[in-house]
Amino acid sequence: MKALVMTDVKKLEVQDDYPTPTIQPDEVLIHTAWAGICGTDKAPYNGLPGSADAAPPIVLGHENSGVVAEVGQDVVGFKVGDRVSVDPNIYCHKCFFCRTSRPELCEHLDAVGVTRDGGFAEYFTAPEEVVYHVPDNVSLEAAAVIEPISCAEHGVDLLDTHPYQKALIIGDGFEGQLIVQILKSRGLQEVTLAGTVDEKLANNEEHFGFKTINNLTHPEEVQADSYDIVVEAVGLPKTQEQAVEAARRGGQVLMFGVGNPSSTFNVNTYKVYQRQLTIQGSFINPYTFEDSVALLQSGDVDPLPLISNVLDFAHVEDFVSGKLGNISKAIVKVAGEEA
C-alpha cells in the first residue's frame, strides 16, 4: 500500500510498497479517507517529544477517518463498510493514573499515528475500543478532525462555565478556533478570539459572528483584568503571560497551547493569590470523542470553514517543516469520501 513514512528525524518518504497491516482479534482495519495534519506532528518530525515518543520508522497521522475494511474475530461493534473515526489514544487501564480516573496521564500511553502506524497511509489498524461510528449527516472530511475537536472539548470540560462569563481565546490556530465554537455552544455571554492572522479572524467573523482582536497589531485591545475565562492556545511565554494578566478576579486560565519543552514564563504570584486565579493545564482528550461527534452532528461545531489546505502525501513535509505558513488547518485526502 501507499504510505508516508517518517524514516528518520526531519525525513518523510512516500513509499508505494509499505506493508498493509494485519489485524489482531480485537482490532479493525480501516481504509483511510482523510487524515488531518496536526501542529503536534511537527514535534516527532523535529525529534521532540509529543504526547508519546515516536520512533522512526513510523507512519504518523493521529487525526483520521475512513471506512472499515476488515474486523477481527473479537470485534462486535463494527462491520465492514462502517464509516468511522479513531481516537488515537490507547490507555493501559492498569497504571496509577488510569486506576484513578485520569487516563490522559497514563504511564504507558500508546497512540495511533504516534507510537504505532497511523492515518498517513491507505490502511491502518486500531483497537475496537478507540473506534467510533460517524453519523450519516457528518462527512468523512469533517470526521477526520474529531480528534482535535475532542482535545478542545477536554480543555473546555476542565473549566467551570456559566452564561454570565466573558471568555478570551488567545491564538487563532485550529484548536483556538475550535475552542471559540465550543465555548459559544456552552452559552457564555461573550467569546472573543485574539489572533495574528487577519484572514483567519475575518473568516471567524464571517462564518460564526465572533468578536475578534488582532493581537499583533492591536494588543492593547486585550485588556488586563477583564475576562472570566482566558484560554492560551499558542504556547509562547509572551501570550502565556498575557493570558494571566487578562484574567479578572476569580478568573480561570487554561494553558492549552503546546510550548517548547524548555520554555518558561513569568507570573506575578501575588496577582494569582490576590485575584484567586485558577491556572489549569490541558493534555489530550480522555473520553471526549462521543461529545465531539455530537457537536458535529448537531452543528454546534463546524470545522469545514476552518480547513484551508488539502494536501497529498508529497506535500505534508512542507507543512511539518514550516515551509507552509498561515495555515488554518491542513488535511490530507487519502482516498476521499467513499474511501
C-alpha atoms as a PDB file:
ATOM      1  CA  MET A   1       0.000   0.000   0.000  1.00  0.00           C
ATOM      2  CA  LYS A   2       0.994   3.643  -0.311  1.00  0.00           C
ATOM      3  CA  ALA A   3       2.159   5.357   2.872  1.00  0.00           C
ATOM      4  CA  LEU A   4       4.031   8.424   4.052  1.00  0.00           C
ATOM      5  CA  VAL A   5       6.750   7.104   6.342  1.00  0.00           C
ATOM      6  CA  MET A   6       8.856   9.096   8.777  1.00  0.00           C
ATOM      7  CA  THR A   7      12.112   7.213   8.217  1.00  0.00           C
ATOM      8  CA  ASP A   8      14.196   9.479  10.440  1.00  0.00           C
ATOM      9  CA  VAL A   9      14.097  12.848  12.163  1.00  0.00           C
ATOM     10  CA  LYS A  10      13.190  15.520   9.588  1.00  0.00           C
ATOM     11  CA  LYS A  11      12.723  12.932   6.860  1.00  0.00           C
ATOM     12  CA  LEU A  12       9.388  11.863   5.372  1.00  0.00           C
ATOM     13  CA  GLU A  13       9.306   9.429   2.466  1.00  0.00           C
ATOM     14  CA  VAL A  14       6.387   8.357   0.248  1.00  0.00           C
ATOM     15  CA  GLN A  15       6.556   4.573  -0.151  1.00  0.00           C
ATOM     16  CA  ASP A  16       4.366   2.672  -2.621  1.00  0.00           C
ATOM     17  CA  ASP A  17       5.063  -0.801  -1.223  1.00  0.00           C
ATOM     18  CA  TYR A  18       4.652  -0.304   2.528  1.00  0.00           C
ATOM     19  CA  PRO A  19       3.174  -3.478   4.070  1.00  0.00           C
ATOM     20  CA  THR A  20      -0.591  -3.460   4.583  1.00  0.00           C
ATOM     21  CA  PRO A  21      -1.131  -4.070   8.311  1.00  0.00           C
ATOM     22  CA  THR A  22      -2.718  -7.230   9.651  1.00  0.00           C
ATOM     23  CA  ILE A  23      -5.285  -7.029  12.436  1.00  0.00           C
ATOM     24  CA  GLN A  24      -5.332  -8.569  15.872  1.00  0.00           C
ATOM     25  CA  PRO A  25      -8.560 -10.223  17.101  1.00  0.00           C
ATOM     26  CA  ASP A  26      -9.724  -7.018  18.858  1.00  0.00           C
ATOM     27  CA  GLU A  27      -8.805  -4.648  16.023  1.00  0.00           C
ATOM     28  CA  VAL A  28     -10.339  -3.205  12.873  1.00  0.00           C
ATOM     29  CA  LEU A  29      -8.590  -2.439   9.594  1.00  0.00           C
ATOM     30  CA  ILE A  30      -9.551   0.986   8.271  1.00  0.00           C
ATOM     31  CA  HIS A  31      -9.300   2.216   4.691  1.00  0.00           C
ATOM     32  CA  THR A  32      -8.254   5.802   5.272  1.00  0.00           C
ATOM     33  CA  ALA A  33     -10.367   8.521   3.694  1.00  0.00           C
ATOM     34  CA  TRP A  34      -8.925  11.701   5.215  1.00  0.00           C
ATOM     35  CA  ALA A  35      -6.089  12.434   7.634  1.00  0.00           C
ATOM     36  CA  GLY A  36      -5.589  15.694   9.463  1.00  0.00           C
ATOM     37  CA  ILE A  37      -2.158  17.238   9.930  1.00  0.00           C
ATOM     38  CA  CYS A  38      -1.673  18.489  13.465  1.00  0.00           C
ATOM     39  CA  GLY A  39       0.754  21.096  14.671  1.00  0.00           C
ATOM     40  CA  THR A  40       1.983  18.478  17.131  1.00  0.00           C
ATOM     41  CA  ASP A  41       3.125  16.339  14.173  1.00  0.00           C
ATOM     42  CA  LYS A  42       5.959  18.840  13.970  1.00  0.00           C
ATOM     43  CA  ALA A  43       7.314  17.563  17.298  1.00  0.00           C
ATOM     44  CA  PRO A  44       8.234  13.993  16.260  1.00  0.00           C
ATOM     45  CA  TYR A  45       9.318  15.265  12.852  1.00  0.00           C
ATOM     46  CA  ASN A  46      11.822  17.525  14.626  1.00  0.00           C
ATOM     47  CA  GLY A  47      12.817  14.866  17.149  1.00  0.00           C
ATOM     48  CA  LEU A  48      10.936  16.476  20.049  1.00  0.00           C
ATOM     49  CA  PRO A  49       8.585  14.685  22.467  1.00  0.00           C
ATOM     50  CA  GLY A  50       4.876  14.790  21.671  1.00  0.00           C
ATOM     51  CA  SER A  51       2.036  13.083  23.524  1.00  0.00           C
ATOM     52  CA  ALA A  52       4.270   9.991  23.401  1.00  0.00           C
ATOM     53  CA  ASP A  53       7.608   9.110  21.826  1.00  0.00           C
ATOM     54  CA  ALA A  54       7.525   8.369  18.079  1.00  0.00           C
ATOM     55  CA  ALA A  55      10.394   6.141  16.971  1.00  0.00           C
ATOM     56  CA  PRO A  56      11.169   6.010  13.229  1.00  0.00           C
ATOM     57  CA  PRO A  57      10.303   4.320  11.004  1.00  0.00           C
ATOM     58  CA  ILE A  58       6.697   5.236  11.749  1.00  0.00           C
ATOM     59  CA  VAL A  59       3.596   6.345   9.838  1.00  0.00           C
ATOM     60  CA  LEU A  60       2.238   9.479  11.511  1.00  0.00           C
ATOM     61  CA  GLY A  61      -1.367  10.663  11.284  1.00  0.00           C
ATOM     62  CA  HIS A  62      -3.306  10.626  14.555  1.00  0.00           C
ATOM     63  CA  GLU A  63      -6.291  12.527  13.106  1.00  0.00           C
ATOM     64  CA  ASN A  64      -8.212  10.401  10.641  1.00  0.00           C
ATOM     65  CA  SER A  65     -11.417   9.000   9.230  1.00  0.00           C
ATOM     66  CA  GLY A  66     -12.249   6.142   6.904  1.00  0.00           C
ATOM     67  CA  VAL A  67     -14.241   3.007   6.216  1.00  0.00           C
ATOM     68  CA  VAL A  68     -13.877  -0.336   7.964  1.00  0.00           C
ATOM     69  CA  ALA A  69     -12.229  -2.815   5.586  1.00  0.00           C
ATOM     70  CA  GLU A  70     -11.885  -5.802   7.926  1.00  0.00           C
ATOM     71  CA  VAL A  71     -12.755  -6.700  11.529  1.00  0.00           C
ATOM     72  CA  GLY A  72     -11.030  -9.018  13.976  1.00  0.00           C
ATOM     73  CA  GLN A  73     -12.786 -12.097  15.295  1.00  0.00           C
ATOM     74  CA  ASP A  74     -13.463 -10.494  18.692  1.00  0.00           C
ATOM     75  CA  VAL A  75     -14.903  -7.240  17.318  1.00  0.00           C
ATOM     76  CA  VAL A  76     -18.626  -6.882  17.954  1.00  0.00           C
ATOM     77  CA  GLY A  77     -19.483  -3.219  17.383  1.00  0.00           C
ATOM     78  CA  PHE A  78     -18.326  -2.719  13.796  1.00  0.00           C
ATOM     79  CA  LYS A  79     -18.686  -4.322  10.400  1.00  0.00           C
ATOM     80  CA  VAL A  80     -17.095  -3.927   7.003  1.00  0.00           C
ATOM     81  CA  GLY A  81     -18.322  -0.722   5.354  1.00  0.00           C
ATOM     82  CA  ASP A  82     -18.923   1.269   8.539  1.00  0.00           C
ATOM     83  CA  ARG A  83     -17.817   4.904   8.416  1.00  0.00           C
ATOM     84  CA  VAL A  84     -15.533   5.597  11.360  1.00  0.00           C
ATOM     85  CA  SER A  85     -13.093   7.917  13.086  1.00  0.00           C
ATOM     86  CA  VAL A  86     -10.457   6.902  15.609  1.00  0.00           C
ATOM     87  CA  ASP A  87      -9.413   8.288  18.969  1.00  0.00           C
ATOM     88  CA  PRO A  88      -5.660   7.703  18.704  1.00  0.00           C
ATOM     89  CA  ASN A  89      -5.006   7.417  22.437  1.00  0.00           C
ATOM     90  CA  ILE A  90      -4.885   3.888  23.839  1.00  0.00           C
ATOM     91  CA  TYR A  91      -4.644   3.652  27.618  1.00  0.00           C
ATOM     92  CA  CYS A  92      -3.188   0.756  29.593  1.00  0.00           C
ATOM     93  CA  HIS A  93      -6.073   0.728  32.150  1.00  0.00           C
ATOM     94  CA  LYS A  94      -3.610  -0.607  34.749  1.00  0.00           C
ATOM     95  CA  CYS A  95      -1.321   2.211  35.885  1.00  0.00           C
ATOM     96  CA  PHE A  96      -1.928   4.528  38.849  1.00  0.00           C
ATOM     97  CA  PHE A  97      -3.401   7.302  36.702  1.00  0.00           C
ATOM     98  CA  CYS A  98      -5.739   5.025  34.736  1.00  0.00           C
ATOM     99  CA  ARG A  99      -6.947   3.489  38.021  1.00  0.00           C
ATOM    100  CA  THR A 100      -7.634   6.929  39.490  1.00  0.00           C
ATOM    101  CA  SER A 101      -9.773   8.204  36.572  1.00  0.00           C
ATOM    102  CA  ARG A 102      -7.023  10.240  34.890  1.00  0.00           C
ATOM    103  CA  PRO A 103      -6.230   8.112  31.832  1.00  0.00           C
ATOM    104  CA  GLU A 104      -4.839  11.083  29.891  1.00  0.00           C
ATOM    105  CA  LEU A 105      -1.849  10.860  32.238  1.00  0.00           C
ATOM    106  CA  CYS A 106      -1.378   7.129  31.516  1.00  0.00           C
ATOM    107  CA  GLU A 107       2.183   5.994  32.167  1.00  0.00           C
ATOM    108  CA  HIS A 108       2.074   3.578  29.236  1.00  0.00           C
ATOM    109  CA  LEU A 109       0.195   5.626  26.631  1.00  0.00           C
ATOM    110  CA  ASP A 110       0.075   4.095  23.169  1.00  0.00           C
ATOM    111  CA  ALA A 111      -1.197   6.190  20.266  1.00  0.00           C
ATOM    112  CA  VAL A 112      -2.224   5.589  16.672  1.00  0.00           C
ATOM    113  CA  GLY A 113      -0.048   7.745  14.447  1.00  0.00           C
ATOM    114  CA  VAL A 114       2.497   8.348  17.203  1.00  0.00           C
ATOM    115  CA  THR A 115       3.756   5.079  18.688  1.00  0.00           C
ATOM    116  CA  ARG A 116       2.058   2.858  16.093  1.00  0.00           C
ATOM    117  CA  ASP A 117       1.301   3.457  12.420  1.00  0.00           C
ATOM    118  CA  GLY A 118      -1.479   5.909  11.706  1.00  0.00           C
ATOM    119  CA  GLY A 119      -3.520   7.566   9.019  1.00  0.00           C
ATOM    120  CA  PHE A 120      -0.857   8.797   6.595  1.00  0.00           C
ATOM    121  CA  ALA A 121      -1.346   5.501   4.780  1.00  0.00           C
ATOM    122  CA  GLU A 122      -4.040   3.821   2.710  1.00  0.00           C
ATOM    123  CA  TYR A 123      -4.813   1.448   5.590  1.00  0.00           C
ATOM    124  CA  PHE A 124      -4.201   1.414   9.337  1.00  0.00           C
ATOM    125  CA  THR A 125      -5.396  -0.611  12.317  1.00  0.00           C
ATOM    126  CA  ALA A 126      -6.864   0.369  15.669  1.00  0.00           C
ATOM    127  CA  PRO A 127      -8.341  -1.481  18.656  1.00  0.00           C
ATOM    128  CA  GLU A 128     -12.125  -1.533  18.654  1.00  0.00           C
ATOM    129  CA  GLU A 129     -12.227   0.393  21.939  1.00  0.00           C
ATOM    130  CA  VAL A 130     -10.944   3.585  20.258  1.00  0.00           C
ATOM    131  CA  VAL A 131     -13.022   3.388  17.058  1.00  0.00           C
ATOM    132  CA  TYR A 132     -16.191   5.482  16.756  1.00  0.00           C
ATOM    133  CA  HIS A 133     -19.082   5.467  14.302  1.00  0.00           C
ATOM    134  CA  VAL A 134     -19.521   8.577  12.140  1.00  0.00           C
ATOM    135  CA  PRO A 135     -23.172   9.734  11.826  1.00  0.00           C
ATOM    136  CA  ASP A 136     -24.712   9.848   8.369  1.00  0.00           C
ATOM    137  CA  ASN A 137     -25.012  13.642   8.415  1.00  0.00           C
ATOM    138  CA  VAL A 138     -21.295  14.120   9.139  1.00  0.00           C
ATOM    139  CA  SER A 139     -18.866  13.936   6.219  1.00  0.00           C
ATOM    140  CA  LEU A 140     -15.707  11.880   6.493  1.00  0.00           C
ATOM    141  CA  GLU A 141     -13.793  15.085   5.784  1.00  0.00           C
ATOM    142  CA  ALA A 142     -15.237  16.675   8.925  1.00  0.00           C
ATOM    143  CA  ALA A 143     -14.838  13.405  10.842  1.00  0.00           C
ATOM    144  CA  ALA A 144     -11.095  13.471  10.182  1.00  0.00           C
ATOM    145  CA  VAL A 145     -10.783  16.293  12.719  1.00  0.00           C
ATOM    146  CA  ILE A 146     -12.858  14.817  15.535  1.00  0.00           C
ATOM    147  CA  GLU A 147      -9.619  14.211  17.431  1.00  0.00           C
ATOM    148  CA  PRO A 148      -8.632  17.918  17.638  1.00  0.00           C
ATOM    149  CA  ILE A 149     -12.250  18.755  18.484  1.00  0.00           C
ATOM    150  CA  SER A 150     -12.059  16.225  21.316  1.00  0.00           C
ATOM    151  CA  CYS A 151      -8.871  17.832  22.648  1.00  0.00           C
ATOM    152  CA  ALA A 152     -10.582  21.219  22.634  1.00  0.00           C
ATOM    153  CA  GLU A 153     -13.644  19.690  24.291  1.00  0.00           C
ATOM    154  CA  HIS A 154     -11.490  18.228  27.067  1.00  0.00           C
ATOM    155  CA  GLY A 155      -9.933  21.633  27.693  1.00  0.00           C
ATOM    156  CA  VAL A 156     -13.337  23.293  27.952  1.00  0.00           C
ATOM    157  CA  ASP A 157     -14.571  20.464  30.204  1.00  0.00           C
ATOM    158  CA  LEU A 158     -11.845  21.421  32.685  1.00  0.00           C
ATOM    159  CA  LEU A 159     -13.377  24.893  33.003  1.00  0.00           C
ATOM    160  CA  ASP A 160     -16.317  25.886  35.186  1.00  0.00           C
ATOM    161  CA  THR A 161     -18.561  27.632  32.644  1.00  0.00           C
ATOM    162  CA  HIS A 162     -21.589  29.855  33.244  1.00  0.00           C
ATOM    163  CA  PRO A 163     -23.770  32.047  30.989  1.00  0.00           C
ATOM    164  CA  TYR A 164     -22.630  35.288  32.656  1.00  0.00           C
ATOM    165  CA  GLN A 165     -19.000  34.784  31.716  1.00  0.00           C
ATOM    166  CA  LYS A 166     -16.818  36.573  29.216  1.00  0.00           C
ATOM    167  CA  ALA A 167     -14.112  34.468  27.599  1.00  0.00           C
ATOM    168  CA  LEU A 168     -10.968  35.272  25.638  1.00  0.00           C
ATOM    169  CA  ILE A 169      -9.147  32.780  23.459  1.00  0.00           C
ATOM    170  CA  ILE A 170      -5.580  33.812  22.609  1.00  0.00           C
ATOM    171  CA  GLY A 171      -4.410  32.055  19.465  1.00  0.00           C
ATOM    172  CA  ASP A 172      -6.030  31.631  16.052  1.00  0.00           C
ATOM    173  CA  GLY A 173      -4.607  28.209  15.272  1.00  0.00           C
ATOM    174  CA  PHE A 174      -7.058  25.418  14.551  1.00  0.00           C
ATOM    175  CA  GLU A 175      -7.513  24.477  18.212  1.00  0.00           C
ATOM    176  CA  GLY A 176      -8.099  28.067  19.260  1.00  0.00           C
ATOM    177  CA  GLN A 177     -10.731  28.436  16.565  1.00  0.00           C
ATOM    178  CA  LEU A 178     -12.438  25.235  17.753  1.00  0.00           C
ATOM    179  CA  ILE A 179     -12.395  26.294  21.398  1.00  0.00           C
ATOM    180  CA  VAL A 180     -14.213  29.526  20.490  1.00  0.00           C
ATOM    181  CA  GLN A 181     -17.021  27.479  18.935  1.00  0.00           C
ATOM    182  CA  ILE A 182     -17.245  25.062  21.858  1.00  0.00           C
ATOM    183  CA  LEU A 183     -17.321  27.829  24.459  1.00  0.00           C
ATOM    184  CA  LYS A 184     -20.036  29.615  22.484  1.00  0.00           C
ATOM    185  CA  SER A 185     -22.054  26.382  22.467  1.00  0.00           C
ATOM    186  CA  ARG A 186     -21.886  26.416  26.290  1.00  0.00           C
ATOM    187  CA  GLY A 187     -23.906  29.639  26.311  1.00  0.00           C
ATOM    188  CA  LEU A 188     -21.301  32.142  27.510  1.00  0.00           C
ATOM    189  CA  GLN A 189     -22.278  35.800  27.319  1.00  0.00           C
ATOM    190  CA  GLU A 190     -19.290  36.823  25.203  1.00  0.00           C
ATOM    191  CA  VAL A 191     -16.478  34.938  23.455  1.00  0.00           C
ATOM    192  CA  THR A 192     -13.576  36.777  21.807  1.00  0.00           C
ATOM    193  CA  LEU A 193     -10.836  35.352  19.585  1.00  0.00           C
ATOM    194  CA  ALA A 194      -7.457  37.116  19.614  1.00  0.00           C
ATOM    195  CA  GLY A 195      -5.048  36.100  16.863  1.00  0.00           C
ATOM    196  CA  THR A 196      -2.431  37.382  14.476  1.00  0.00           C
ATOM    197  CA  VAL A 197      -3.723  36.455  11.009  1.00  0.00           C
ATOM    198  CA  ASP A 198      -6.327  38.822   9.576  1.00  0.00           C
ATOM    199  CA  GLU A 199      -7.667  36.201   7.157  1.00  0.00           C
ATOM    200  CA  LYS A 200      -8.419  33.750   9.962  1.00  0.00           C
ATOM    201  CA  LEU A 201     -10.019  36.418  12.118  1.00  0.00           C
ATOM    202  CA  ALA A 202     -12.171  37.658   9.257  1.00  0.00           C
ATOM    203  CA  ASN A 203     -13.217  34.079   8.457  1.00  0.00           C
ATOM    204  CA  ASN A 204     -14.413  33.592  12.035  1.00  0.00           C
ATOM    205  CA  GLU A 205     -16.317  36.862  11.962  1.00  0.00           C
ATOM    206  CA  GLU A 206     -17.965  35.957   8.655  1.00  0.00           C
ATOM    207  CA  HIS A 207     -18.927  32.348   9.398  1.00  0.00           C
ATOM    208  CA  PHE A 208     -19.598  32.463  13.131  1.00  0.00           C
ATOM    209  CA  GLY A 209     -20.009  36.119  14.101  1.00  0.00           C
ATOM    210  CA  PHE A 210     -17.273  36.094  16.741  1.00  0.00           C
ATOM    211  CA  LYS A 211     -15.693  39.240  18.081  1.00  0.00           C
ATOM    212  CA  THR A 212     -12.004  39.221  17.124  1.00  0.00           C
ATOM    213  CA  ILE A 213      -8.840  41.119  18.013  1.00  0.00           C
ATOM    214  CA  ASN A 214      -5.609  41.247  16.057  1.00  0.00           C
ATOM    215  CA  ASN A 215      -3.199  40.572  18.883  1.00  0.00           C
ATOM    216  CA  LEU A 216      -0.221  41.536  16.724  1.00  0.00           C
ATOM    217  CA  THR A 217      -1.320  44.985  15.576  1.00  0.00           C
ATOM    218  CA  HIS A 218      -3.705  45.886  18.439  1.00  0.00           C
ATOM    219  CA  PRO A 219      -2.584  44.004  21.569  1.00  0.00           C
ATOM    220  CA  GLU A 220      -3.910  46.857  23.706  1.00  0.00           C
ATOM    221  CA  GLU A 221      -7.434  45.636  22.905  1.00  0.00           C
ATOM    222  CA  VAL A 222      -6.746  42.584  25.056  1.00  0.00           C
ATOM    223  CA  GLN A 223      -7.434  44.368  28.317  1.00  0.00           C
ATOM    224  CA  ALA A 224      -5.960  43.284  31.625  1.00  0.00           C
ATOM    225  CA  ASP A 225      -8.176  42.062  34.463  1.00  0.00           C
ATOM    226  CA  SER A 226     -11.201  41.694  32.154  1.00  0.00           C
ATOM    227  CA  TYR A 227     -12.141  38.068  31.424  1.00  0.00           C
ATOM    228  CA  ASP A 228     -13.675  35.277  33.492  1.00  0.00           C
ATOM    229  CA  ILE A 229     -12.064  32.660  31.253  1.00  0.00           C
ATOM    230  CA  VAL A 230      -8.837  33.015  29.277  1.00  0.00           C
ATOM    231  CA  VAL A 231      -7.591  30.208  27.051  1.00  0.00           C
ATOM    232  CA  GLU A 232      -3.975  30.411  25.894  1.00  0.00           C
ATOM    233  CA  ALA A 233      -3.779  28.396  22.674  1.00  0.00           C
ATOM    234  CA  VAL A 234      -0.360  29.493  21.397  1.00  0.00           C
ATOM    235  CA  GLY A 235       2.256  28.075  23.741  1.00  0.00           C
ATOM    236  CA  LEU A 236       4.599  31.062  23.866  1.00  0.00           C
ATOM    237  CA  PRO A 237       5.787  32.779  27.076  1.00  0.00           C
ATOM    238  CA  LYS A 238       4.576  36.165  25.843  1.00  0.00           C
ATOM    239  CA  THR A 239       0.988  35.029  25.316  1.00  0.00           C
ATOM    240  CA  GLN A 240       1.026  32.868  28.461  1.00  0.00           C
ATOM    241  CA  GLU A 241       1.921  35.945  30.499  1.00  0.00           C
ATOM    242  CA  GLN A 242      -0.723  37.939  28.634  1.00  0.00           C
ATOM    243  CA  ALA A 243      -3.323  35.296  29.470  1.00  0.00           C
ATOM    244  CA  VAL A 244      -2.694  35.555  33.202  1.00  0.00           C
ATOM    245  CA  GLU A 245      -2.826  39.358  33.042  1.00  0.00           C
ATOM    246  CA  ALA A 246      -6.133  39.280  31.143  1.00  0.00           C
ATOM    247  CA  ALA A 247      -7.934  37.193  33.771  1.00  0.00           C
ATOM    248  CA  ARG A 248     -10.031  39.130  36.249  1.00  0.00           C
ATOM    249  CA  ARG A 249     -10.728  38.291  39.916  1.00  0.00           C
ATOM    250  CA  GLY A 250     -11.850  34.701  40.265  1.00  0.00           C
ATOM    251  CA  GLY A 251     -10.838  34.022  36.682  1.00  0.00           C
ATOM    252  CA  GLN A 252      -9.736  30.765  35.102  1.00  0.00           C
ATOM    253  CA  VAL A 253      -6.719  30.491  32.815  1.00  0.00           C
ATOM    254  CA  LEU A 254      -6.422  27.398  30.619  1.00  0.00           C
ATOM    255  CA  MET A 255      -2.912  26.774  29.325  1.00  0.00           C
ATOM    256  CA  PHE A 256      -3.847  24.834  26.199  1.00  0.00           C
ATOM    257  CA  GLY A 257      -1.048  25.801  23.792  1.00  0.00           C
ATOM    258  CA  VAL A 258       1.842  23.375  23.389  1.00  0.00           C
ATOM    259  CA  GLY A 259       5.044  25.137  24.388  1.00  0.00           C
ATOM    260  CA  ASN A 260       8.643  24.237  23.776  1.00  0.00           C
ATOM    261  CA  PRO A 261       9.732  21.733  26.468  1.00  0.00           C
ATOM    262  CA  SER A 262      12.444  24.131  27.609  1.00  0.00           C
ATOM    263  CA  SER A 263      10.283  27.282  27.727  1.00  0.00           C
ATOM    264  CA  THR A 264       9.166  29.072  30.892  1.00  0.00           C
ATOM    265  CA  PHE A 265       7.104  32.190  31.559  1.00  0.00           C
ATOM    266  CA  ASN A 266       6.956  34.741  34.355  1.00  0.00           C
ATOM    267  CA  VAL A 267       3.931  35.037  36.594  1.00  0.00           C
ATOM    268  CA  ASN A 268       3.218  37.505  39.402  1.00  0.00           C
ATOM    269  CA  THR A 269       2.374  35.161  42.244  1.00  0.00           C
ATOM    270  CA  TYR A 270       0.751  37.922  44.277  1.00  0.00           C
ATOM    271  CA  LYS A 271      -1.750  38.548  41.472  1.00  0.00           C
ATOM    272  CA  VAL A 272      -2.555  34.841  41.334  1.00  0.00           C
ATOM    273  CA  TYR A 273      -3.167  34.949  45.091  1.00  0.00           C
ATOM    274  CA  GLN A 274      -4.982  38.282  45.244  1.00  0.00           C
ATOM    275  CA  ARG A 275      -7.223  37.586  42.248  1.00  0.00           C
ATOM    276  CA  GLN A 276      -7.754  33.960  43.309  1.00  0.00           C
ATOM    277  CA  LEU A 277      -6.907  32.755  39.827  1.00  0.00           C
ATOM    278  CA  THR A 278      -7.099  29.162  38.665  1.00  0.00           C
ATOM    279  CA  ILE A 279      -4.357  28.203  36.189  1.00  0.00           C
ATOM    280  CA  GLN A 280      -5.020  24.854  34.537  1.00  0.00           C
ATOM    281  CA  GLY A 281      -3.168  22.715  32.004  1.00  0.00           C
ATOM    282  CA  SER A 282      -4.911  20.507  29.433  1.00  0.00           C
ATOM    283  CA  PHE A 283      -3.486  17.340  27.884  1.00  0.00           C
ATOM    284  CA  ILE A 284      -5.009  15.255  25.061  1.00  0.00           C
ATOM    285  CA  ASN A 285      -8.640  14.085  25.120  1.00  0.00           C
ATOM    286  CA  PRO A 286      -9.791  11.483  27.657  1.00  0.00           C
ATOM    287  CA  TYR A 287     -13.169  10.073  26.617  1.00  0.00           C
ATOM    288  CA  THR A 288     -14.433  13.172  24.832  1.00  0.00           C
ATOM    289  CA  PHE A 289     -14.936  11.591  21.413  1.00  0.00           C
ATOM    290  CA  GLU A 290     -18.669  10.923  21.891  1.00  0.00           C
ATOM    291  CA  ASP A 291     -19.282  14.553  22.863  1.00  0.00           C
ATOM    292  CA  SER A 292     -17.235  15.714  19.881  1.00  0.00           C
ATOM    293  CA  VAL A 293     -19.207  13.540  17.477  1.00  0.00           C
ATOM    294  CA  ALA A 294     -22.371  15.032  18.945  1.00  0.00           C
ATOM    295  CA  LEU A 295     -21.056  18.580  18.449  1.00  0.00           C
ATOM    296  CA  LEU A 296     -20.525  17.817  14.765  1.00  0.00           C
ATOM    297  CA  GLN A 297     -23.852  16.050  14.401  1.00  0.00           C
ATOM    298  CA  SER A 298     -25.760  18.972  15.932  1.00  0.00           C
ATOM    299  CA  GLY A 299     -23.845  21.633  14.006  1.00  0.00           C
ATOM    300  CA  ASP A 300     -22.657  23.360  17.186  1.00  0.00           C
ATOM    301  CA  VAL A 301     -19.129  22.921  15.849  1.00  0.00           C
ATOM    302  CA  ASP A 302     -18.390  23.270  12.142  1.00  0.00           C
ATOM    303  CA  PRO A 303     -14.732  22.696  11.255  1.00  0.00           C
ATOM    304  CA  LEU A 304     -15.082  22.780   7.477  1.00  0.00           C
ATOM    305  CA  PRO A 305     -14.839  26.607   7.103  1.00  0.00           C
ATOM    306  CA  LEU A 306     -11.540  26.406   9.002  1.00  0.00           C
ATOM    307  CA  ILE A 307      -9.875  23.932   6.629  1.00  0.00           C
ATOM    308  CA  SER A 308      -7.604  25.987   4.390  1.00  0.00           C
ATOM    309  CA  ASN A 309      -5.371  23.406   2.688  1.00  0.00           C
ATOM    310  CA  VAL A 310      -5.981  19.949   1.213  1.00  0.00           C
ATOM    311  CA  LEU A 311      -2.643  18.241   0.569  1.00  0.00           C
ATOM    312  CA  ASP A 312      -1.301  14.965  -0.777  1.00  0.00           C
ATOM    313  CA  PHE A 313       1.389  12.853   0.866  1.00  0.00           C
ATOM    314  CA  ALA A 314       4.145  14.530  -1.126  1.00  0.00           C
ATOM    315  CA  HIS A 315       3.407  17.934   0.402  1.00  0.00           C
ATOM    316  CA  VAL A 316       2.901  17.019   4.070  1.00  0.00           C
ATOM    317  CA  GLU A 317       6.566  17.687   4.764  1.00  0.00           C
ATOM    318  CA  ASP A 318       6.113  21.256   3.525  1.00  0.00           C
ATOM    319  CA  PHE A 319       3.726  21.739   6.444  1.00  0.00           C
ATOM    320  CA  VAL A 320       5.600  19.999   9.256  1.00  0.00           C
ATOM    321  CA  SER A 321       8.911  21.576   8.205  1.00  0.00           C
ATOM    322  CA  GLY A 322       7.374  25.050   8.368  1.00  0.00           C
ATOM    323  CA  LYS A 323       7.571  25.866   4.653  1.00  0.00           C
ATOM    324  CA  LEU A 324       3.815  26.479   4.543  1.00  0.00           C
ATOM    325  CA  GLY A 325       2.712  29.408   6.707  1.00  0.00           C
ATOM    326  CA  ASN A 326      -0.552  30.951   7.932  1.00  0.00           C
ATOM    327  CA  ILE A 327      -2.445  27.679   7.601  1.00  0.00           C
ATOM    328  CA  SER A 328      -5.753  27.480   9.420  1.00  0.00           C
ATOM    329  CA  LYS A 329      -5.966  23.700   9.025  1.00  0.00           C
ATOM    330  CA  ALA A 330      -4.400  21.265   6.574  1.00  0.00           C
ATOM    331  CA  ILE A 331      -5.745  17.790   5.848  1.00  0.00           C
ATOM    332  CA  VAL A 332      -4.668  15.005   3.504  1.00  0.00           C
ATOM    333  CA  LYS A 333      -7.093  13.457   1.048  1.00  0.00           C
ATOM    334  CA  VAL A 334      -6.034   9.820   1.165  1.00  0.00           C
ATOM    335  CA  ALA A 335      -8.967   8.069  -0.503  1.00  0.00           C
ATOM    336  CA  GLY A 336     -11.705  10.702  -0.433  1.00  0.00           C
ATOM    337  CA  GLU A 337     -15.260  10.500   0.866  1.00  0.00           C
ATOM    338  CA  GLU A 338     -16.035   6.993  -0.355  1.00  0.00           C
ATOM    339  CA  ALA A 339     -12.670   5.515   0.740  1.00  0.00           C
END
